[in-house]
Amino acid sequence: MTDDNAPVRFDTKIAVLLRDDLETWQRLNVTAFLVSGLGTQVPEVIGEPYADADDTPYLPMFRQPVLVFAGPKELLTAAHTKAVNRGATMAVFTSDLFATGHDKANRAAVRAVRRDGMDLVGLAVYGPRNAVDKILKGASMHP
């Protein structure tokens, strides 16, 4: 017999790392944007659709928690380098994206800057738990 309420330990991790000097609205906005791409590129992170007792359908969500971390600009830069070197599945958000108003402009803003010159304010990474832990080494849980 299995216990459906027993905690599940996932072999993978979804994590967001935010720069610690962002305004609250920026932290929420960046987090939402960063994780939005994971389900399109990594379908196994998405669970089953939801329904309430009246059979009202709701969209599926991630099957596992999203852990949110914070750290200084230098930590984001180091984490980004580690993620690139490991070939991790990653999304980035740069400070330039606060001044754009749509997807095409967002992509153009990222495309205009070389990787080592990006002013990162956040990144999302997905992968094996231990690899994500190494990428985010030194980050602390978001307060």
Foldseek 3Di string as FASTA:
>chain_A
DDDPPDDDDDQKAKEKEFEPVDDPVVVVVQVVVQVVCCCVVPVVQWDDWDADPVRDTGGTDGPDDYFYWYYHQVLVLQLVVLCVVVVWDKDFDAPVVVVDDDDVVRVVVVVVDDSNGTRTRMMITMDGPVSNCVSNPPIGTDD
